[in-house]
PDB file of N, CA and C in Angstrom:
ATOM      1  N   MET A   1      -5.473   5.478   3.265  1.00  0.00           N
ATOM      2  CA  MET A   1      -5.649   5.782   1.789  1.00  0.00           C
ATOM      3  C   MET A   1      -6.092   4.502   1.155  1.00  0.00           C
ATOM      4  N   LYS A   2      -7.128   4.561   0.295  1.00  0.00           N
ATOM      5  CA  LYS A   2      -7.638   3.343  -0.460  1.00  0.00           C
ATOM      6  C   LYS A   2      -7.400   3.621  -1.930  1.00  0.00           C
ATOM      7  N   ILE A   3      -6.827   2.623  -2.539  1.00  0.00           N
ATOM      8  CA  ILE A   3      -6.538   2.711  -4.004  1.00  0.00           C
ATOM      9  C   ILE A   3      -7.317   1.663  -4.718  1.00  0.00           C
ATOM     10  N   ALA A   4      -8.006   2.036  -5.825  1.00  0.00           N
ATOM     11  CA  ALA A   4      -8.743   1.133  -6.605  1.00  0.00           C
ATOM     12  C   ALA A   4      -8.066   0.853  -7.931  1.00  0.00           C
ATOM     13  N   ILE A   5      -7.944  -0.422  -8.342  1.00  0.00           N
ATOM     14  CA  ILE A   5      -7.286  -0.830  -9.583  1.00  0.00           C
ATOM     15  C   ILE A   5      -8.278  -1.801 -10.305  1.00  0.00           C
ATOM     16  N   PRO A   6      -8.626  -1.429 -11.596  1.00  0.00           N
ATOM     17  CA  PRO A   6      -9.438  -2.369 -12.344  1.00  0.00           C
ATOM     18  C   PRO A   6      -8.552  -3.602 -12.713  1.00  0.00           C
ATOM     19  N   THR A   7      -9.040  -4.786 -12.430  1.00  0.00           N
ATOM     20  CA  THR A   7      -8.200  -5.981 -12.669  1.00  0.00           C
ATOM     21  C   THR A   7      -8.950  -7.067 -13.462  1.00  0.00           C
ATOM     22  N   ALA A   8      -8.053  -7.813 -14.182  1.00  0.00           N
ATOM     23  CA  ALA A   8      -8.521  -9.028 -14.913  1.00  0.00           C
ATOM     24  C   ALA A   8      -7.301  -9.970 -14.796  1.00  0.00           C
ATOM     25  N   ASN A   9      -7.541 -11.201 -14.342  1.00  0.00           N
ATOM     26  CA  ASN A   9      -6.493 -12.210 -14.254  1.00  0.00           C
ATOM     27  C   ASN A   9      -5.378 -11.678 -13.310  1.00  0.00           C
ATOM     28  N   ASN A  10      -5.727 -10.945 -12.239  1.00  0.00           N
ATOM     29  CA  ASN A  10      -4.742 -10.368 -11.280  1.00  0.00           C
ATOM     30  C   ASN A  10      -3.738  -9.436 -11.927  1.00  0.00           C
ATOM     31  N   LEU A  11      -4.131  -8.756 -12.998  1.00  0.00           N
ATOM     32  CA  LEU A  11      -3.355  -7.749 -13.633  1.00  0.00           C
ATOM     33  C   LEU A  11      -4.266  -6.563 -13.903  1.00  0.00           C
ATOM     34  N   LEU A  12      -3.582  -5.385 -14.049  1.00  0.00           N
ATOM     35  CA  LEU A  12      -4.349  -4.161 -14.390  1.00  0.00           C
ATOM     36  C   LEU A  12      -5.097  -4.413 -15.717  1.00  0.00           C
ATOM     37  N   ALA A  13      -6.468  -4.201 -15.660  1.00  0.00           N
ATOM     38  CA  ALA A  13      -7.256  -4.323 -16.819  1.00  0.00           C
ATOM     39  C   ALA A  13      -7.144  -2.940 -17.572  1.00  0.00           C
ATOM     40  N   MET A  14      -6.833  -3.022 -18.821  1.00  0.00           N
ATOM     41  CA  MET A  14      -6.496  -1.792 -19.535  1.00  0.00           C
ATOM     42  C   MET A  14      -7.676  -0.874 -19.902  1.00  0.00           C
ATOM     43  N   HIS A  15      -8.879  -1.409 -20.015  1.00  0.00           N
ATOM     44  CA  HIS A  15     -10.068  -0.553 -20.302  1.00  0.00           C
ATOM     45  C   HIS A  15     -10.922  -0.459 -19.005  1.00  0.00           C
ATOM     46  N   PHE A  16     -10.785   0.684 -18.437  1.00  0.00           N
ATOM     47  CA  PHE A  16     -11.330   0.986 -17.127  1.00  0.00           C
ATOM     48  C   PHE A  16     -12.942   0.722 -17.076  1.00  0.00           C
ATOM     49  N   GLY A  17     -13.567   1.344 -18.003  1.00  0.00           N
ATOM     50  CA  GLY A  17     -15.004   1.373 -17.895  1.00  0.00           C
ATOM     51  C   GLY A  17     -15.712   0.093 -18.048  1.00  0.00           C
ATOM     52  N   HIS A  18     -15.123  -0.941 -18.640  1.00  0.00           N
ATOM     53  CA  HIS A  18     -15.796  -2.191 -18.764  1.00  0.00           C
ATOM     54  C   HIS A  18     -15.153  -3.300 -17.904  1.00  0.00           C
ATOM     55  N   CYS A  19     -14.408  -2.918 -16.896  1.00  0.00           N
ATOM     56  CA  CYS A  19     -13.800  -3.840 -15.956  1.00  0.00           C
ATOM     57  C   CYS A  19     -14.849  -4.471 -15.079  1.00  0.00           C
ATOM     58  N   GLU A  20     -14.741  -5.765 -14.861  1.00  0.00           N
ATOM     59  CA  GLU A  20     -15.728  -6.437 -13.992  1.00  0.00           C
ATOM     60  C   GLU A  20     -15.257  -6.575 -12.496  1.00  0.00           C
ATOM     61  N   ILE A  21     -13.947  -6.493 -12.257  1.00  0.00           N
ATOM     62  CA  ILE A  21     -13.413  -6.694 -10.943  1.00  0.00           C
ATOM     63  C   ILE A  21     -12.529  -5.490 -10.577  1.00  0.00           C
ATOM     64  N   PHE A  22     -12.674  -5.014  -9.392  1.00  0.00           N
ATOM     65  CA  PHE A  22     -11.694  -3.956  -8.868  1.00  0.00           C
ATOM     66  C   PHE A  22     -10.995  -4.551  -7.684  1.00  0.00           C
ATOM     67  N   THR A  23      -9.692  -4.305  -7.630  1.00  0.00           N
ATOM     68  CA  THR A  23      -8.916  -4.661  -6.455  1.00  0.00           C
ATOM     69  C   THR A  23      -8.749  -3.351  -5.639  1.00  0.00           C
ATOM     70  N   LEU A  24      -9.206  -3.442  -4.411  1.00  0.00           N
ATOM     71  CA  LEU A  24      -9.117  -2.237  -3.521  1.00  0.00           C
ATOM     72  C   LEU A  24      -8.068  -2.524  -2.473  1.00  0.00           C
ATOM     73  N   ILE A  25      -7.060  -1.635  -2.451  1.00  0.00           N
ATOM     74  CA  ILE A  25      -5.891  -1.815  -1.611  1.00  0.00           C
ATOM     75  C   ILE A  25      -5.834  -0.627  -0.597  1.00  0.00           C
ATOM     76  N   THR A  26      -5.898  -0.886   0.622  1.00  0.00           N
ATOM     77  CA  THR A  26      -5.764   0.039   1.665  1.00  0.00           C
ATOM     78  C   THR A  26      -4.309   0.145   2.146  1.00  0.00           C
ATOM     79  N   VAL A  27      -3.757   1.379   2.181  1.00  0.00           N
ATOM     80  CA  VAL A  27      -2.365   1.499   2.510  1.00  0.00           C
ATOM     81  C   VAL A  27      -2.147   2.661   3.475  1.00  0.00           C
ATOM     82  N   ASN A  28      -1.044   2.593   4.105  1.00  0.00           N
ATOM     83  CA  ASN A  28      -0.592   3.701   4.986  1.00  0.00           C
ATOM     84  C   ASN A  28       0.470   4.400   4.150  1.00  0.00           C
ATOM     85  N   PRO A  29       0.163   5.572   3.586  1.00  0.00           N
ATOM     86  CA  PRO A  29       1.121   6.200   2.703  1.00  0.00           C
ATOM     87  C   PRO A  29       2.354   6.731   3.404  1.00  0.00           C
ATOM     88  N   GLU A  30       2.243   6.930   4.722  1.00  0.00           N
ATOM     89  CA  GLU A  30       3.433   7.507   5.495  1.00  0.00           C
ATOM     90  C   GLU A  30       4.543   6.485   5.579  1.00  0.00           C
ATOM     91  N   ASN A  31       4.205   5.198   5.843  1.00  0.00           N
ATOM     92  CA  ASN A  31       5.298   4.191   5.911  1.00  0.00           C
ATOM     93  C   ASN A  31       5.217   3.230   4.761  1.00  0.00           C
ATOM     94  N   GLN A  32       4.423   3.508   3.762  1.00  0.00           N
ATOM     95  CA  GLN A  32       4.294   2.821   2.498  1.00  0.00           C
ATOM     96  C   GLN A  32       3.992   1.215   2.741  1.00  0.00           C
ATOM     97  N   VAL A  33       3.038   0.977   3.648  1.00  0.00           N
ATOM     98  CA  VAL A  33       2.664  -0.342   3.964  1.00  0.00           C
ATOM     99  C   VAL A  33       1.283  -0.645   3.454  1.00  0.00           C
ATOM    100  N   ILE A  34       1.090  -1.819   2.843  1.00  0.00           N
ATOM    101  CA  ILE A  34      -0.217  -2.257   2.397  1.00  0.00           C
ATOM    102  C   ILE A  34      -0.863  -2.889   3.678  1.00  0.00           C
ATOM    103  N   LEU A  35      -2.024  -2.337   4.007  1.00  0.00           N
ATOM    104  CA  LEU A  35      -2.753  -2.788   5.209  1.00  0.00           C
ATOM    105  C   LEU A  35      -3.849  -3.833   4.879  1.00  0.00           C
ATOM    106  N   GLY A  36      -4.368  -3.842   3.668  1.00  0.00           N
ATOM    107  CA  GLY A  36      -5.369  -4.811   3.312  1.00  0.00           C
ATOM    108  C   GLY A  36      -5.668  -4.783   1.837  1.00  0.00           C
ATOM    109  N   THR A  37      -6.128  -5.876   1.339  1.00  0.00           N
ATOM    110  CA  THR A  37      -6.491  -6.027  -0.111  1.00  0.00           C
ATOM    111  C   THR A  37      -7.837  -6.765  -0.154  1.00  0.00           C
ATOM    112  N   GLU A  38      -8.735  -6.191  -1.047  1.00  0.00           N
ATOM    113  CA  GLU A  38      -9.993  -6.966  -1.283  1.00  0.00           C
ATOM    114  C   GLU A  38     -10.298  -6.851  -2.750  1.00  0.00           C
ATOM    115  N   THR A  39     -11.039  -7.823  -3.299  1.00  0.00           N
ATOM    116  CA  THR A  39     -11.548  -7.722  -4.684  1.00  0.00           C
ATOM    117  C   THR A  39     -13.037  -7.555  -4.582  1.00  0.00           C
ATOM    118  N   VAL A  40     -13.553  -6.739  -5.397  1.00  0.00           N
ATOM    119  CA  VAL A  40     -15.030  -6.491  -5.464  1.00  0.00           C
ATOM    120  C   VAL A  40     -15.510  -6.552  -6.886  1.00  0.00           C
ATOM    121  N   GLN A  41     -16.730  -7.038  -7.017  1.00  0.00           N
ATOM    122  CA  GLN A  41     -17.437  -7.088  -8.291  1.00  0.00           C
ATOM    123  C   GLN A  41     -17.899  -5.729  -8.648  1.00  0.00           C
ATOM    124  N   ALA A  42     -17.612  -5.266  -9.863  1.00  0.00           N
ATOM    125  CA  ALA A  42     -18.065  -3.946 -10.259  1.00  0.00           C
ATOM    126  C   ALA A  42     -19.603  -4.016 -10.560  1.00  0.00           C
ATOM    127  N   PRO A  43     -20.282  -2.880 -10.324  1.00  0.00           N
ATOM    128  CA  PRO A  43     -21.735  -2.875 -10.687  1.00  0.00           C
ATOM    129  C   PRO A  43     -21.850  -2.921 -12.228  1.00  0.00           C
ATOM    130  N   PRO A  44     -23.048  -3.255 -12.677  1.00  0.00           N
ATOM    131  CA  PRO A  44     -23.251  -3.272 -14.165  1.00  0.00           C
ATOM    132  C   PRO A  44     -22.827  -1.924 -14.770  1.00  0.00           C
ATOM    133  N   HIS A  45     -22.310  -1.967 -15.972  1.00  0.00           N
ATOM    134  CA  HIS A  45     -21.759  -0.752 -16.624  1.00  0.00           C
ATOM    135  C   HIS A  45     -22.881   0.274 -16.862  1.00  0.00           C
ATOM    136  N   GLU A  46     -22.670   1.441 -16.361  1.00  0.00           N
ATOM    137  CA  GLU A  46     -23.588   2.554 -16.547  1.00  0.00           C
ATOM    138  C   GLU A  46     -22.711   3.821 -16.438  1.00  0.00           C
ATOM    139  N   PRO A  47     -22.801   4.645 -17.581  1.00  0.00           N
ATOM    140  CA  PRO A  47     -21.923   5.858 -17.586  1.00  0.00           C
ATOM    141  C   PRO A  47     -22.093   6.689 -16.318  1.00  0.00           C
ATOM    142  N   GLY A  48     -20.997   7.076 -15.691  1.00  0.00           N
ATOM    143  CA  GLY A  48     -20.960   7.886 -14.525  1.00  0.00           C
ATOM    144  C   GLY A  48     -21.116   7.188 -13.203  1.00  0.00           C
ATOM    145  N   LEU A  49     -21.398   5.940 -13.182  1.00  0.00           N
ATOM    146  CA  LEU A  49     -21.691   5.223 -11.927  1.00  0.00           C
ATOM    147  C   LEU A  49     -20.354   4.921 -11.167  1.00  0.00           C
ATOM    148  N   LEU A  50     -19.290   4.454 -11.775  1.00  0.00           N
ATOM    149  CA  LEU A  50     -18.144   4.066 -11.057  1.00  0.00           C
ATOM    150  C   LEU A  50     -17.521   5.080 -10.179  1.00  0.00           C
ATOM    151  N   PRO A  51     -17.425   6.345 -10.551  1.00  0.00           N
ATOM    152  CA  PRO A  51     -16.863   7.320  -9.671  1.00  0.00           C
ATOM    153  C   PRO A  51     -17.700   7.408  -8.303  1.00  0.00           C
ATOM    154  N   ARG A  52     -18.988   7.468  -8.405  1.00  0.00           N
ATOM    155  CA  ARG A  52     -19.842   7.481  -7.176  1.00  0.00           C
ATOM    156  C   ARG A  52     -19.631   6.220  -6.373  1.00  0.00           C
ATOM    157  N   TRP A  53     -19.716   5.021  -7.050  1.00  0.00           N
ATOM    158  CA  TRP A  53     -19.597   3.736  -6.408  1.00  0.00           C
ATOM    159  C   TRP A  53     -18.254   3.581  -5.647  1.00  0.00           C
ATOM    160  N   LEU A  54     -17.151   4.007  -6.265  1.00  0.00           N
ATOM    161  CA  LEU A  54     -15.873   3.917  -5.572  1.00  0.00           C
ATOM    162  C   LEU A  54     -15.706   4.925  -4.477  1.00  0.00           C
ATOM    163  N   ALA A  55     -16.312   6.114  -4.662  1.00  0.00           N
ATOM    164  CA  ALA A  55     -16.257   7.107  -3.593  1.00  0.00           C
ATOM    165  C   ALA A  55     -17.023   6.564  -2.375  1.00  0.00           C
ATOM    166  N   GLU A  56     -18.065   5.828  -2.568  1.00  0.00           N
ATOM    167  CA  GLU A  56     -18.813   5.206  -1.442  1.00  0.00           C
ATOM    168  C   GLU A  56     -17.989   4.161  -0.732  1.00  0.00           C
ATOM    169  N   LYS A  57     -16.977   3.652  -1.426  1.00  0.00           N
ATOM    170  CA  LYS A  57     -16.078   2.623  -0.883  1.00  0.00           C
ATOM    171  C   LYS A  57     -14.801   3.274  -0.250  1.00  0.00           C
ATOM    172  N   ASP A  58     -14.798   4.622  -0.118  1.00  0.00           N
ATOM    173  CA  ASP A  58     -13.736   5.409   0.430  1.00  0.00           C
ATOM    174  C   ASP A  58     -12.464   5.380  -0.363  1.00  0.00           C
ATOM    175  N   VAL A  59     -12.555   5.197  -1.712  1.00  0.00           N
ATOM    176  CA  VAL A  59     -11.423   5.180  -2.580  1.00  0.00           C
ATOM    177  C   VAL A  59     -10.889   6.645  -2.731  1.00  0.00           C
ATOM    178  N   THR A  60      -9.643   6.839  -2.678  1.00  0.00           N
ATOM    179  CA  THR A  60      -9.020   8.234  -2.821  1.00  0.00           C
ATOM    180  C   THR A  60      -8.181   8.333  -4.075  1.00  0.00           C
ATOM    181  N   LEU A  61      -7.841   7.137  -4.711  1.00  0.00           N
ATOM    182  CA  LEU A  61      -6.930   7.141  -5.845  1.00  0.00           C
ATOM    183  C   LEU A  61      -7.307   5.999  -6.736  1.00  0.00           C
ATOM    184  N   VAL A  62      -7.325   6.166  -8.025  1.00  0.00           N
ATOM    185  CA  VAL A  62      -7.519   5.065  -9.023  1.00  0.00           C
ATOM    186  C   VAL A  62      -6.280   5.042  -9.915  1.00  0.00           C
ATOM    187  N   ILE A  63      -5.785   3.806 -10.075  1.00  0.00           N
ATOM    188  CA  ILE A  63      -4.675   3.612 -11.019  1.00  0.00           C
ATOM    189  C   ILE A  63      -5.243   2.874 -12.221  1.00  0.00           C
ATOM    190  N   ALA A  64      -5.127   3.394 -13.379  1.00  0.00           N
ATOM    191  CA  ALA A  64      -5.733   2.814 -14.562  1.00  0.00           C
ATOM    192  C   ALA A  64      -4.803   2.804 -15.771  1.00  0.00           C
ATOM    193  N   GLY A  65      -5.136   1.997 -16.742  1.00  0.00           N
ATOM    194  CA  GLY A  65      -4.384   1.922 -17.997  1.00  0.00           C
ATOM    195  C   GLY A  65      -4.911   3.053 -18.883  1.00  0.00           C
ATOM    196  N   GLY A  66      -6.227   3.021 -19.044  1.00  0.00           N
ATOM    197  CA  GLY A  66      -6.866   4.028 -19.911  1.00  0.00           C
ATOM    198  C   GLY A  66      -8.180   4.474 -19.297  1.00  0.00           C
ATOM    199  N   MET A  67      -8.553   5.687 -19.492  1.00  0.00           N
ATOM    200  CA  MET A  67      -9.783   6.290 -18.969  1.00  0.00           C
ATOM    201  C   MET A  67     -10.218   7.508 -19.740  1.00  0.00           C
ATOM    202  N   GLY A  68     -11.407   7.653 -20.138  1.00  0.00           N
ATOM    203  CA  GLY A  68     -11.895   8.732 -20.889  1.00  0.00           C
ATOM    204  C   GLY A  68     -11.845  10.026 -20.050  1.00  0.00           C
ATOM    205  N   GLN A  69     -11.799  11.153 -20.742  1.00  0.00           N
ATOM    206  CA  GLN A  69     -11.738  12.475 -20.036  1.00  0.00           C
ATOM    207  C   GLN A  69     -12.978  12.721 -19.182  1.00  0.00           C
ATOM    208  N   ARG A  70     -14.169  12.362 -19.654  1.00  0.00           N
ATOM    209  CA  ARG A  70     -15.334  12.564 -18.853  1.00  0.00           C
ATOM    210  C   ARG A  70     -15.221  11.799 -17.552  1.00  0.00           C
ATOM    211  N   ALA A  71     -14.823  10.519 -17.613  1.00  0.00           N
ATOM    212  CA  ALA A  71     -14.671   9.763 -16.401  1.00  0.00           C
ATOM    213  C   ALA A  71     -13.694  10.413 -15.471  1.00  0.00           C
ATOM    214  N   GLN A  72     -12.595  10.857 -15.978  1.00  0.00           N
ATOM    215  CA  GLN A  72     -11.610  11.555 -15.120  1.00  0.00           C
ATOM    216  C   GLN A  72     -12.158  12.785 -14.441  1.00  0.00           C
ATOM    217  N   MET A  73     -13.018  13.576 -15.150  1.00  0.00           N
ATOM    218  CA  MET A  73     -13.658  14.695 -14.540  1.00  0.00           C
ATOM    219  C   MET A  73     -14.631  14.269 -13.461  1.00  0.00           C
ATOM    220  N   LEU A  74     -15.362  13.164 -13.692  1.00  0.00           N
ATOM    221  CA  LEU A  74     -16.284  12.695 -12.677  1.00  0.00           C
ATOM    222  C   LEU A  74     -15.598  12.240 -11.412  1.00  0.00           C
ATOM    223  N   PHE A  75     -14.433  11.581 -11.596  1.00  0.00           N
ATOM    224  CA  PHE A  75     -13.629  11.172 -10.445  1.00  0.00           C
ATOM    225  C   PHE A  75     -13.148  12.431  -9.670  1.00  0.00           C
ATOM    226  N   ALA A  76     -12.684  13.402 -10.412  1.00  0.00           N
ATOM    227  CA  ALA A  76     -12.247  14.635  -9.761  1.00  0.00           C
ATOM    228  C   ALA A  76     -13.405  15.281  -8.955  1.00  0.00           C
ATOM    229  N   ASP A  77     -14.623  15.228  -9.467  1.00  0.00           N
ATOM    230  CA  ASP A  77     -15.733  15.757  -8.755  1.00  0.00           C
ATOM    231  C   ASP A  77     -15.994  15.066  -7.470  1.00  0.00           C
ATOM    232  N   GLN A  78     -15.545  13.775  -7.441  1.00  0.00           N
ATOM    233  CA  GLN A  78     -15.752  12.956  -6.148  1.00  0.00           C
ATOM    234  C   GLN A  78     -14.541  13.101  -5.306  1.00  0.00           C
ATOM    235  N   GLY A  79     -13.531  13.918  -5.648  1.00  0.00           N
ATOM    236  CA  GLY A  79     -12.338  14.045  -4.882  1.00  0.00           C
ATOM    237  C   GLY A  79     -11.363  12.873  -4.996  1.00  0.00           C
ATOM    238  N   ILE A  80     -11.454  12.088  -6.058  1.00  0.00           N
ATOM    239  CA  ILE A  80     -10.631  10.926  -6.295  1.00  0.00           C
ATOM    240  C   ILE A  80      -9.576  11.298  -7.360  1.00  0.00           C
ATOM    241  N   GLN A  81      -8.325  11.060  -6.984  1.00  0.00           N
ATOM    242  CA  GLN A  81      -7.200  11.326  -7.919  1.00  0.00           C
ATOM    243  C   GLN A  81      -7.104  10.091  -8.877  1.00  0.00           C
ATOM    244  N   VAL A  82      -6.691  10.403 -10.098  1.00  0.00           N
ATOM    245  CA  VAL A  82      -6.560   9.337 -11.128  1.00  0.00           C
ATOM    246  C   VAL A  82      -5.176   9.405 -11.740  1.00  0.00           C
ATOM    247  N   VAL A  83      -4.559   8.190 -11.801  1.00  0.00           N
ATOM    248  CA  VAL A  83      -3.300   8.035 -12.599  1.00  0.00           C
ATOM    249  C   VAL A  83      -3.680   7.164 -13.761  1.00  0.00           C
ATOM    250  N   VAL A  84      -3.401   7.624 -14.997  1.00  0.00           N
ATOM    251  CA  VAL A  84      -3.618   6.835 -16.186  1.00  0.00           C
ATOM    252  C   VAL A  84      -2.326   6.450 -16.888  1.00  0.00           C
ATOM    253  N   GLY A  85      -2.418   5.479 -17.768  1.00  0.00           N
ATOM    254  CA  GLY A  85      -1.227   5.015 -18.509  1.00  0.00           C
ATOM    255  C   GLY A  85      -0.348   4.100 -17.732  1.00  0.00           C
ATOM    256  N   ALA A  86      -0.898   3.459 -16.733  1.00  0.00           N
ATOM    257  CA  ALA A  86      -0.103   2.521 -15.901  1.00  0.00           C
ATOM    258  C   ALA A  86       0.048   1.184 -16.719  1.00  0.00           C
ATOM    259  N   PRO A  87       1.121   0.466 -16.459  1.00  0.00           N
ATOM    260  CA  PRO A  87       1.425  -0.771 -17.141  1.00  0.00           C
ATOM    261  C   PRO A  87       0.537  -1.904 -16.565  1.00  0.00           C
ATOM    262  N   ALA A  88       0.399  -2.967 -17.377  1.00  0.00           N
ATOM    263  CA  ALA A  88      -0.356  -4.135 -16.945  1.00  0.00           C
ATOM    264  C   ALA A  88       0.398  -5.032 -15.944  1.00  0.00           C
ATOM    265  N   GLN A  89       0.378  -4.625 -14.729  1.00  0.00           N
ATOM    266  CA  GLN A  89       1.102  -5.334 -13.654  1.00  0.00           C
ATOM    267  C   GLN A  89       0.107  -5.720 -12.542  1.00  0.00           C
ATOM    268  N   SER A  90       0.544  -6.472 -11.538  1.00  0.00           N
ATOM    269  CA  SER A  90      -0.353  -6.845 -10.459  1.00  0.00           C
ATOM    270  C   SER A  90      -0.713  -5.616  -9.666  1.00  0.00           C
ATOM    271  N   PRO A  91      -1.843  -5.640  -9.063  1.00  0.00           N
ATOM    272  CA  PRO A  91      -2.253  -4.437  -8.228  1.00  0.00           C
ATOM    273  C   PRO A  91      -1.229  -4.121  -7.151  1.00  0.00           C
ATOM    274  N   GLU A  92      -0.694  -5.140  -6.490  1.00  0.00           N
ATOM    275  CA  GLU A  92       0.294  -4.911  -5.414  1.00  0.00           C
ATOM    276  C   GLU A  92       1.534  -4.281  -5.953  1.00  0.00           C
ATOM    277  N   ALA A  93       1.952  -4.693  -7.115  1.00  0.00           N
ATOM    278  CA  ALA A  93       3.183  -4.102  -7.713  1.00  0.00           C
ATOM    279  C   ALA A  93       2.907  -2.667  -8.111  1.00  0.00           C
ATOM    280  N   LEU A  94       1.779  -2.327  -8.586  1.00  0.00           N
ATOM    281  CA  LEU A  94       1.442  -0.965  -8.986  1.00  0.00           C
ATOM    282  C   LEU A  94       1.342  -0.063  -7.764  1.00  0.00           C
ATOM    283  N   VAL A  95       0.741  -0.559  -6.675  1.00  0.00           N
ATOM    284  CA  VAL A  95       0.628   0.257  -5.483  1.00  0.00           C
ATOM    285  C   VAL A  95       2.037   0.466  -4.883  1.00  0.00           C
ATOM    286  N   LYS A  96       2.850  -0.559  -4.806  1.00  0.00           N
ATOM    287  CA  LYS A  96       4.202  -0.315  -4.322  1.00  0.00           C
ATOM    288  C   LYS A  96       5.022   0.665  -5.131  1.00  0.00           C
ATOM    289  N   SER A  97       4.864   0.553  -6.415  1.00  0.00           N
ATOM    290  CA  SER A  97       5.553   1.596  -7.307  1.00  0.00           C
ATOM    291  C   SER A  97       5.020   2.922  -7.067  1.00  0.00           C
ATOM    292  N   TYR A  98       3.643   3.120  -6.922  1.00  0.00           N
ATOM    293  CA  TYR A  98       3.052   4.372  -6.689  1.00  0.00           C
ATOM    294  C   TYR A  98       3.604   4.966  -5.358  1.00  0.00           C
ATOM    295  N   LEU A  99       3.523   4.174  -4.307  1.00  0.00           N
ATOM    296  CA  LEU A  99       3.982   4.635  -3.019  1.00  0.00           C
ATOM    297  C   LEU A  99       5.457   5.023  -2.967  1.00  0.00           C
ATOM    298  N   GLY A 100       6.240   4.220  -3.728  1.00  0.00           N
ATOM    299  CA  GLY A 100       7.704   4.510  -3.827  1.00  0.00           C
ATOM    300  C   GLY A 100       8.073   5.651  -4.808  1.00  0.00           C
ATOM    301  N   GLY A 101       7.133   6.181  -5.472  1.00  0.00           N
ATOM    302  CA  GLY A 101       7.357   7.284  -6.391  1.00  0.00           C
ATOM    303  C   GLY A 101       7.985   6.740  -7.708  1.00  0.00           C
ATOM    304  N   THR A 102       7.852   5.485  -8.062  1.00  0.00           N
ATOM    305  CA  THR A 102       8.446   4.917  -9.250  1.00  0.00           C
ATOM    306  C   THR A 102       7.436   4.409 -10.226  1.00  0.00           C
ATOM    307  N   LEU A 103       6.156   4.684  -9.996  1.00  0.00           N
ATOM    308  CA  LEU A 103       5.136   4.214 -10.989  1.00  0.00           C
ATOM    309  C   LEU A 103       5.271   5.014 -12.286  1.00  0.00           C
ATOM    310  N   LEU A 104       5.531   4.250 -13.335  1.00  0.00           N
ATOM    311  CA  LEU A 104       5.683   4.904 -14.636  1.00  0.00           C
ATOM    312  C   LEU A 104       4.330   4.910 -15.316  1.00  0.00           C
ATOM    313  N   SER A 105       3.801   6.088 -15.555  1.00  0.00           N
ATOM    314  CA  SER A 105       2.540   6.199 -16.274  1.00  0.00           C
ATOM    315  C   SER A 105       2.926   6.642 -17.699  1.00  0.00           C
ATOM    316  N   GLY A 106       2.150   6.130 -18.604  1.00  0.00           N
ATOM    317  CA  GLY A 106       2.450   6.417 -20.001  1.00  0.00           C
ATOM    318  C   GLY A 106       1.194   7.086 -20.684  1.00  0.00           C
ATOM    319  N   ILE A 107       1.032   6.636 -21.890  1.00  0.00           N
ATOM    320  CA  ILE A 107      -0.066   7.173 -22.641  1.00  0.00           C
ATOM    321  C   ILE A 107      -1.423   6.675 -22.164  1.00  0.00           C
ATOM    322  N   ASN A 108      -2.405   7.570 -22.053  1.00  0.00           N
ATOM    323  CA  ASN A 108      -3.723   7.152 -21.709  1.00  0.00           C
ATOM    324  C   ASN A 108      -4.243   6.242 -22.860  1.00  0.00           C
ATOM    325  N   LEU A 109      -4.533   5.026 -22.489  1.00  0.00           N
ATOM    326  CA  LEU A 109      -4.949   4.090 -23.566  1.00  0.00           C
ATOM    327  C   LEU A 109      -6.436   4.227 -23.960  1.00  0.00           C
ATOM    328  N   CYS A 110      -7.077   5.171 -23.443  1.00  0.00           N
ATOM    329  CA  CYS A 110      -8.500   5.377 -23.817  1.00  0.00           C
ATOM    330  C   CYS A 110      -8.620   6.762 -24.465  1.00  0.00           C
ATOM    331  N   ASP A 111      -9.348   6.795 -25.583  1.00  0.00           N
ATOM    332  CA  ASP A 111      -9.395   8.070 -26.407  1.00  0.00           C
ATOM    333  C   ASP A 111     -10.828   8.648 -26.358  1.00  0.00           C
ATOM    334  N   HIS A 112     -11.708   8.249 -25.435  1.00  0.00           N
ATOM    335  CA  HIS A 112     -13.018   8.835 -25.381  1.00  0.00           C
ATOM    336  C   HIS A 112     -13.379   9.296 -24.005  1.00  0.00           C
TER     337      HIS A 112
END
């Protein structure tokens, strides 16, 4: 399983669509172990591009602070699950919380 998290200063970036860096974390969900972490530069902002780009990188889950409804639908079209309303924590902490079933998601911080 590969999880993508938009990041800035090694914390979750709250506005997904304009994020410049993504942290990609590969995990084994069965034993809840992080297998690898990489950071990648996002492509230039273009509506609808990120879902395809992350799908090409084998991402199956995105953890975000906020994301518009259209983007969420485009991710669903790519077979990528989205969790919105996550707190501004480190990518590793967010993934560990998700795997442990304790990730608190709140209000979607994006209204478009």
